[in-house]
């Protein structure tokens, strides 16, 4: 499956972080993001889904950088205080990314717990006008909920990855429907 890039000018991290296998990206001096400035989000909630911060999270997620995708989306979740629907949506994406980390670690029970929580949240974000979330992801949140649950029962079987290389474990991609999200 071809995995498109939304921000091809940005370089992926040197490794896809897995706890216990790699240096912590921000706390360890050997981490890929050690001493980088944390992302601050000054994006209005109605512009968040078209922001480079959101799109970078999609790129990271689609290419198997699940911990990094979680970190990219977290500032959007924190900034979405005025919209419960956006807040639930970002939290669901964060949980789905956490599930990807757990799948890669072989921790099926933890992966299932995160995926089930993500699915429940995706099912709650249905009342956003104009299909905003569907446009941002290329699928409805309800469809993504189904994918989240299915990923734990039958995740993509990882090939023999090269050391420190990302390994996508989901058989779907997030692909915005329009460049003007």
Protein backbone atom coordinates (compact mmCIF):
# COMPACT_ATOMS: atom_id res chain seq x y z
CA UNK A 1 0.00 0.00 0.00
CA UNK A 2 1.36 3.37 -0.98
CA UNK A 3 1.64 5.72 1.97
CA UNK A 4 1.53 9.32 0.74
CA UNK A 5 3.30 12.22 2.41
CA UNK A 6 1.48 15.45 3.27
CA UNK A 7 4.65 17.31 4.29
CA UNK A 8 7.43 15.71 2.20
CA UNK A 9 9.81 18.56 3.04
CA UNK A 10 9.96 17.43 6.68
CA UNK A 11 12.39 14.68 7.60
CA UNK A 12 11.19 11.75 9.64
CA UNK A 13 12.95 11.08 12.96
CA UNK A 14 15.98 8.78 12.84
CA UNK A 15 13.97 6.01 14.53
CA UNK A 16 10.43 5.15 15.54
CA UNK A 17 10.45 5.14 19.33
CA UNK A 18 9.55 1.97 21.18
CA UNK A 19 9.84 2.08 25.00
CA UNK A 20 12.62 -0.13 26.26
CA UNK A 21 14.17 -0.53 22.82
CA UNK A 22 15.31 3.00 21.96
CA UNK A 23 16.50 6.06 23.85
CA UNK A 24 13.57 8.20 24.97
CA UNK A 25 13.25 10.83 22.23
CA UNK A 26 13.14 13.91 24.47
CA UNK A 27 14.56 12.86 27.84
CA UNK A 28 17.63 10.90 26.74
CA UNK A 29 20.61 12.83 25.29
CA UNK A 30 20.71 10.18 22.52
CA UNK A 31 17.01 10.73 21.72
CA UNK A 32 16.03 11.90 18.26
CA UNK A 33 14.29 14.99 19.65
CA UNK A 34 16.48 15.74 22.64
CA UNK A 35 16.61 19.45 23.40
CA UNK A 36 14.25 20.41 20.63
CA UNK A 37 11.73 23.06 21.41
CA UNK A 38 8.31 21.66 22.29
CA UNK A 39 5.58 22.37 19.79
CA UNK A 40 3.39 25.27 20.79
CA UNK A 41 0.09 25.49 19.01
CA UNK A 42 -1.38 28.87 18.26
CA UNK A 43 -3.99 27.53 15.86
CA UNK A 44 -7.68 28.26 16.20
CA UNK A 45 -9.68 25.08 16.67
CA UNK A 46 -11.46 25.59 13.34
CA UNK A 47 -8.06 25.71 11.58
CA UNK A 48 -6.40 22.83 13.47
CA UNK A 49 -7.36 20.11 10.99
CA UNK A 50 -5.67 21.97 8.15
CA UNK A 51 -2.56 22.85 10.14
CA UNK A 52 0.91 21.53 9.46
CA UNK A 53 0.96 20.21 13.04
CA UNK A 54 -2.05 17.98 12.32
CA UNK A 55 -0.73 16.94 8.90
CA UNK A 56 2.68 16.10 10.37
CA UNK A 57 0.93 13.80 12.83
CA UNK A 58 -0.79 12.08 9.90
CA UNK A 59 2.53 11.61 8.09
CA UNK A 60 4.11 10.15 11.22
CA UNK A 61 1.14 7.86 11.88
CA UNK A 62 0.86 6.57 8.31
CA UNK A 63 4.56 5.69 8.25
CA UNK A 64 4.71 3.86 11.58
CA UNK A 65 6.01 6.60 13.87
CA UNK A 66 3.22 6.11 16.39
CA UNK A 67 4.81 7.59 19.51
CA UNK A 68 5.88 10.60 17.46
CA UNK A 69 2.37 11.00 15.96
CA UNK A 70 0.94 10.99 19.48
CA UNK A 71 3.39 13.75 20.43
CA UNK A 72 2.49 15.77 17.31
CA UNK A 73 -1.26 15.63 18.04
CA UNK A 74 -1.07 16.20 21.78
CA UNK A 75 -0.65 20.01 21.56
CA UNK A 76 -3.77 20.15 19.34
CA UNK A 77 -5.69 18.19 21.96
CA UNK A 78 -4.55 20.59 24.69
CA UNK A 79 -5.43 23.62 22.54
CA UNK A 80 -8.95 22.38 21.70
CA UNK A 81 -10.45 23.41 25.03
CA UNK A 82 -13.34 25.33 23.46
CA UNK A 83 -14.59 22.39 21.33
CA UNK A 84 -15.42 19.13 23.05
CA UNK A 85 -15.83 17.42 19.66
CA UNK A 86 -12.31 18.42 18.55
CA UNK A 87 -10.92 17.46 21.93
CA UNK A 88 -12.50 13.98 21.73
CA UNK A 89 -11.29 13.61 18.14
CA UNK A 90 -7.67 14.44 18.97
CA UNK A 91 -7.76 12.22 22.06
CA UNK A 92 -9.03 9.35 19.91
CA UNK A 93 -6.16 9.83 17.44
CA UNK A 94 -3.67 9.91 20.32
CA UNK A 95 -5.09 6.66 21.71
CA UNK A 96 -5.00 5.03 18.28
CA UNK A 97 -1.33 6.01 17.94
CA UNK A 98 -0.66 4.59 21.42
CA UNK A 99 -2.31 1.37 20.27
CA UNK A 100 0.15 1.26 17.36
CA UNK A 101 3.06 1.51 19.80
CA UNK A 102 1.64 -1.33 21.88
CA UNK A 103 1.02 -3.52 18.81
CA UNK A 104 4.65 -3.01 17.75
CA UNK A 105 5.76 -3.95 21.27
CA UNK A 106 3.69 -7.13 21.13
CA UNK A 107 1.49 -5.96 24.04
CA UNK A 108 -1.87 -7.06 22.66
CA UNK A 109 -3.93 -6.44 25.80
CA UNK A 110 -2.68 -2.86 26.17
CA UNK A 111 -3.11 -2.30 22.41
CA UNK A 112 -6.71 -3.52 22.61
CA UNK A 113 -7.45 -1.26 25.58
CA UNK A 114 -6.16 1.82 23.73
CA UNK A 115 -7.90 0.85 20.48
CA UNK A 116 -11.23 0.27 22.22
CA UNK A 117 -11.02 3.64 23.97
CA UNK A 118 -10.13 5.30 20.65
CA UNK A 119 -13.05 3.59 18.90
CA UNK A 120 -15.49 4.72 21.60
CA UNK A 121 -14.30 8.32 21.25
CA UNK A 122 -14.44 8.23 17.44
CA UNK A 123 -18.07 7.11 17.72
CA UNK A 124 -18.84 10.13 19.90
CA UNK A 125 -17.60 12.71 17.38
CA UNK A 126 -20.42 12.58 14.90
CA UNK A 127 -22.05 15.97 15.33
CA UNK A 128 -19.43 18.14 13.64
CA UNK A 129 -20.83 20.18 10.74
CA UNK A 130 -19.79 19.75 7.12
CA UNK A 131 -18.05 16.40 7.61
CA UNK A 132 -15.01 18.22 8.95
CA UNK A 133 -13.39 15.15 10.54
CA UNK A 134 -14.22 12.96 7.55
CA UNK A 135 -12.52 15.45 5.25
CA UNK A 136 -9.48 15.64 7.55
CA UNK A 137 -9.02 11.85 7.67
CA UNK A 138 -10.43 10.65 4.37
CA UNK A 139 -12.95 8.48 6.24
CA UNK A 140 -15.66 8.96 8.81
CA UNK A 141 -14.75 8.73 12.49
CA UNK A 142 -17.20 5.79 12.69
CA UNK A 143 -15.24 3.94 9.98
CA UNK A 144 -12.00 4.69 11.79
CA UNK A 145 -13.55 3.24 14.97
CA UNK A 146 -14.14 -0.03 13.10
CA UNK A 147 -10.56 -0.02 11.78
CA UNK A 148 -9.22 0.66 15.27
CA UNK A 149 -11.01 -2.36 16.72
CA UNK A 150 -10.07 -4.60 13.80
CA UNK A 151 -6.40 -3.65 14.02
CA UNK A 152 -6.10 -5.32 17.41
CA UNK A 153 -7.83 -8.53 16.40
CA UNK A 154 -5.88 -8.84 13.14
CA UNK A 155 -3.03 -6.34 12.97
CA UNK A 156 -0.73 -6.19 9.98
CA UNK A 157 1.93 -8.82 10.60
CA UNK A 158 5.23 -6.95 10.85
CA UNK A 159 7.87 -8.00 8.39
CA UNK A 160 11.42 -8.27 9.59
CA UNK A 161 12.07 -4.54 9.94
CA UNK A 162 15.49 -3.04 9.67
CA UNK A 163 16.80 -1.94 13.06
CA UNK A 164 15.31 1.36 14.21
CA UNK A 165 12.97 1.56 11.21
CA UNK A 166 9.28 2.31 11.60
CA UNK A 167 6.83 -0.48 10.98
CA UNK A 168 3.25 0.44 10.05
CA UNK A 169 0.86 -1.98 11.76
CA UNK A 170 -2.46 -0.66 10.46
CA UNK A 171 -3.83 -1.66 7.06
CA UNK A 172 -5.43 1.72 6.44
CA UNK A 173 -4.04 5.17 5.86
CA UNK A 174 -5.25 8.57 6.94
CA UNK A 175 -5.56 10.71 3.82
CA UNK A 176 -7.31 14.07 3.86
CA UNK A 177 -9.86 14.42 1.10
CA UNK A 178 -8.76 17.91 0.16
CA UNK A 179 -5.72 20.10 0.52
CA UNK A 180 -7.98 22.82 1.87
CA UNK A 181 -9.07 21.06 5.06
